[in-house]
Amino acid sequence: MSDIAENKNGEKEPAESERAQNDKAQNGKAQNDKPKPEPPKDDWVTKRFQCSLPNVFKELTLQLEEDVKTRNALRPNNSPYEFSATPRGDDFTVLLETEDLSKSVVFSRAEQAIIVRDDKGRTMFEVTLAFNDHGECKLYVDQAERDFWQVRRMALEGLMFHGY
């Protein structure tokens, strides 16, 4: 094979290497001719969907179930109390039961917030959501930004650790 070849215009130029010709034949174009991949676009639609109240409520309930499992695993043998988690429609209840006592915290999905109530029906606090300009889903309680674990602690700490 010659080191010099003619291009389309009849001008002489260095010939492609045999490997480059084989690559071109296999790929349909030379390696250097490949378009550079575009950076991935932010999928704000999916992120915003994930930040909807039904999805955040579902994620919160999954985490609450794990909290209940963890707390029950930490109980001493033959404990006179037990925790349970019960979903019911747009409500999710975490219950403490003993022989003499039953207490609960109820998480309710409302139209614009997740409302957390004690067993007497009194509102403890409300959780609202915001999808910010950075594409992040944020939880707020009384205008203060909170993580999921902080919301769970605010709701369950008294139920799970007061006297037990």
Protein backbone atom coordinates (compact mmCIF):
# COMPACT_ATOMS: atom_id res chain seq x y z
CA MET A 1 0.00 0.00 0.00
CA SER A 2 1.27 3.43 -0.93
CA ASP A 3 1.83 6.15 1.68
CA ILE A 4 0.43 8.80 -0.68
CA ALA A 5 -3.09 8.81 -2.13
CA GLU A 6 -5.26 11.16 -4.14
CA ASN A 7 -8.25 12.74 -2.47
CA LYS A 8 -11.60 13.56 -4.17
CA ASN A 9 -10.14 16.71 -5.70
CA GLY A 10 -7.19 14.87 -7.23
CA GLU A 11 -4.77 16.30 -4.70
CA LYS A 12 -2.11 14.13 -3.18
CA GLU A 13 -2.20 13.50 0.57
CA PRO A 14 -1.01 10.86 3.04
CA ALA A 15 -2.96 7.62 2.66
CA GLU A 16 -5.08 6.25 5.49
CA SER A 17 -3.54 3.42 7.41
CA GLU A 18 -4.88 -0.02 6.75
CA ARG A 19 -6.35 -0.10 10.26
CA ALA A 20 -8.18 3.20 9.73
CA GLN A 21 -9.59 1.86 6.46
CA ASN A 22 -10.78 -1.31 8.23
CA ASP A 23 -12.34 0.72 11.05
CA LYS A 24 -14.06 2.91 8.49
CA ALA A 25 -15.41 -0.11 6.66
CA GLN A 26 -16.69 -1.71 9.88
CA ASN A 27 -18.18 1.43 11.43
CA GLY A 28 -19.25 3.21 8.33
CA LYS A 29 -17.03 6.15 9.21
CA ALA A 30 -13.60 6.83 10.62
CA GLN A 31 -13.06 7.01 14.38
CA ASN A 32 -12.44 10.77 14.26
CA ASP A 33 -15.69 11.32 12.40
CA LYS A 34 -17.83 10.11 15.33
CA PRO A 35 -20.05 12.83 16.75
CA LYS A 36 -19.25 13.75 20.31
CA PRO A 37 -21.97 12.65 22.71
CA GLU A 38 -24.12 15.48 23.99
CA PRO A 39 -24.13 15.97 27.73
CA PRO A 40 -27.26 14.40 29.25
CA LYS A 41 -30.07 16.85 29.66
CA ASP A 42 -31.56 17.24 33.11
CA ASP A 43 -34.77 15.28 33.24
CA TRP A 44 -36.66 17.82 35.28
CA VAL A 45 -40.01 16.23 34.43
CA THR A 46 -39.12 12.94 36.13
CA LYS A 47 -37.54 14.76 39.06
CA ARG A 48 -40.64 16.93 39.45
CA PHE A 49 -42.88 13.86 39.28
CA GLN A 50 -40.82 12.24 42.03
CA CYS A 51 -41.37 15.40 44.09
CA SER A 52 -45.16 15.05 43.94
CA LEU A 53 -47.04 14.58 47.19
CA PRO A 54 -48.13 10.99 46.40
CA ASN A 55 -44.54 9.92 45.65
CA VAL A 56 -43.01 11.65 48.66
CA PHE A 57 -45.74 10.20 50.90
CA LYS A 58 -45.00 6.71 49.54
CA GLU A 59 -41.25 7.15 50.17
CA LEU A 60 -41.94 8.46 53.67
CA THR A 61 -44.14 5.47 54.51
CA LEU A 62 -41.47 3.03 53.30
CA GLN A 63 -38.95 4.73 55.57
CA LEU A 64 -41.41 4.72 58.48
CA GLU A 65 -41.88 0.96 58.07
CA GLU A 66 -38.10 0.54 58.29
CA ASP A 67 -38.00 2.71 61.43
CA VAL A 68 -40.65 0.48 63.05
CA LYS A 69 -38.72 -2.69 62.13
CA THR A 70 -35.51 -1.21 63.51
CA ARG A 71 -37.13 -0.05 66.74
CA ASN A 72 -38.80 -3.42 67.32
CA ALA A 73 -35.45 -5.15 66.78
CA LEU A 74 -33.95 -2.96 69.52
CA ARG A 75 -36.53 -3.97 72.14
CA PRO A 76 -35.32 -6.16 75.01
CA ASN A 77 -36.49 -9.78 75.08
CA ASN A 78 -40.01 -10.21 76.50
CA SER A 79 -40.77 -6.50 76.09
CA PRO A 80 -44.24 -5.48 77.24
CA TYR A 81 -44.61 -3.19 74.20
CA GLU A 82 -44.49 -3.40 70.43
CA PHE A 83 -44.60 -1.00 67.50
CA SER A 84 -46.52 -1.54 64.29
CA ALA A 85 -47.09 0.33 61.05
CA THR A 86 -50.39 0.29 59.21
CA PRO A 87 -51.21 1.89 55.86
CA ARG A 88 -54.86 2.78 55.30
CA GLY A 89 -55.70 4.75 52.16
CA ASP A 90 -54.18 8.22 52.46
CA ASP A 91 -53.19 7.58 56.09
CA PHE A 92 -50.25 5.77 57.60
CA THR A 93 -50.30 4.97 61.32
CA VAL A 94 -47.36 4.10 63.57
CA LEU A 95 -48.73 2.47 66.68
CA LEU A 96 -47.26 1.69 70.10
CA GLU A 97 -49.14 -1.01 71.99
CA THR A 98 -48.68 -2.24 75.54
CA GLU A 99 -51.01 -4.22 77.79
CA ASP A 100 -52.42 -1.00 79.26
CA LEU A 101 -51.82 1.57 76.56
CA SER A 102 -52.11 2.32 72.90
CA LYS A 103 -50.59 5.45 71.35
CA SER A 104 -50.11 6.41 67.74
CA VAL A 105 -48.90 8.95 65.25
CA VAL A 106 -50.85 9.30 62.01
CA PHE A 107 -49.41 10.63 58.75
CA SER A 108 -52.13 11.81 56.37
CA ARG A 109 -51.71 12.78 52.76
CA ALA A 110 -53.79 15.89 52.17
CA GLU A 111 -54.17 17.95 49.01
CA GLN A 112 -51.17 20.25 49.62
CA ALA A 113 -49.27 18.69 52.53
CA ILE A 114 -48.61 15.67 54.69
CA ILE A 115 -50.30 16.25 58.02
CA VAL A 116 -48.85 14.55 61.11
CA ARG A 117 -51.26 14.05 64.03
CA ASP A 118 -51.07 12.49 67.47
CA ASP A 119 -53.49 9.83 68.68
CA LYS A 120 -55.92 12.52 69.88
CA GLY A 121 -56.19 13.93 66.36
CA ARG A 122 -54.18 17.06 67.19
CA THR A 123 -51.93 18.31 64.41
CA MET A 124 -48.28 18.02 65.41
CA PHE A 125 -47.00 19.61 62.18
CA GLU A 126 -47.45 19.72 58.42
CA VAL A 127 -44.89 18.78 55.78
CA THR A 128 -44.93 20.73 52.53
CA LEU A 129 -42.83 20.19 49.42
CA ALA A 130 -40.88 22.46 47.11
CA PHE A 131 -39.12 21.64 43.86
CA ASN A 132 -36.29 24.15 43.71
CA ASP A 133 -34.31 25.71 40.83
CA HIS A 134 -31.56 23.11 41.31
CA GLY A 135 -33.98 20.27 40.53
CA GLU A 136 -34.09 19.13 44.15
CA CYS A 137 -37.13 18.08 46.12
CA LYS A 138 -37.20 19.74 49.53
CA LEU A 139 -39.39 19.03 52.54
CA TYR A 140 -40.44 21.88 54.81
CA VAL A 141 -41.88 21.97 58.31
CA ASP A 142 -42.83 25.41 59.63
CA GLN A 143 -40.84 26.98 56.77
CA ALA A 144 -37.66 25.13 57.82
CA GLU A 145 -36.05 22.73 55.36
CA ARG A 146 -35.99 19.15 56.64
CA ASP A 147 -34.63 15.80 55.46
CA PHE A 148 -36.83 12.72 55.53
CA TRP A 149 -35.12 11.38 58.66
CA GLN A 150 -35.70 14.67 60.47
CA VAL A 151 -39.42 14.58 59.70
CA ARG A 152 -39.61 10.98 60.94
CA ARG A 153 -37.72 11.83 64.12
CA MET A 154 -39.93 14.86 64.81
CA ALA A 155 -43.01 12.66 64.51
CA LEU A 156 -41.85 9.44 66.19
CA GLU A 157 -39.21 10.29 68.78
CA GLY A 158 -41.72 10.82 71.60
CA LEU A 159 -43.67 7.69 70.66
CA MET A 160 -40.66 5.43 70.30
CA PHE A 161 -38.43 6.63 73.12
CA HIS A 162 -40.54 8.23 75.84
CA GLY A 163 -40.21 5.78 78.69
CA TYR A 164 -39.42 2.77 76.49
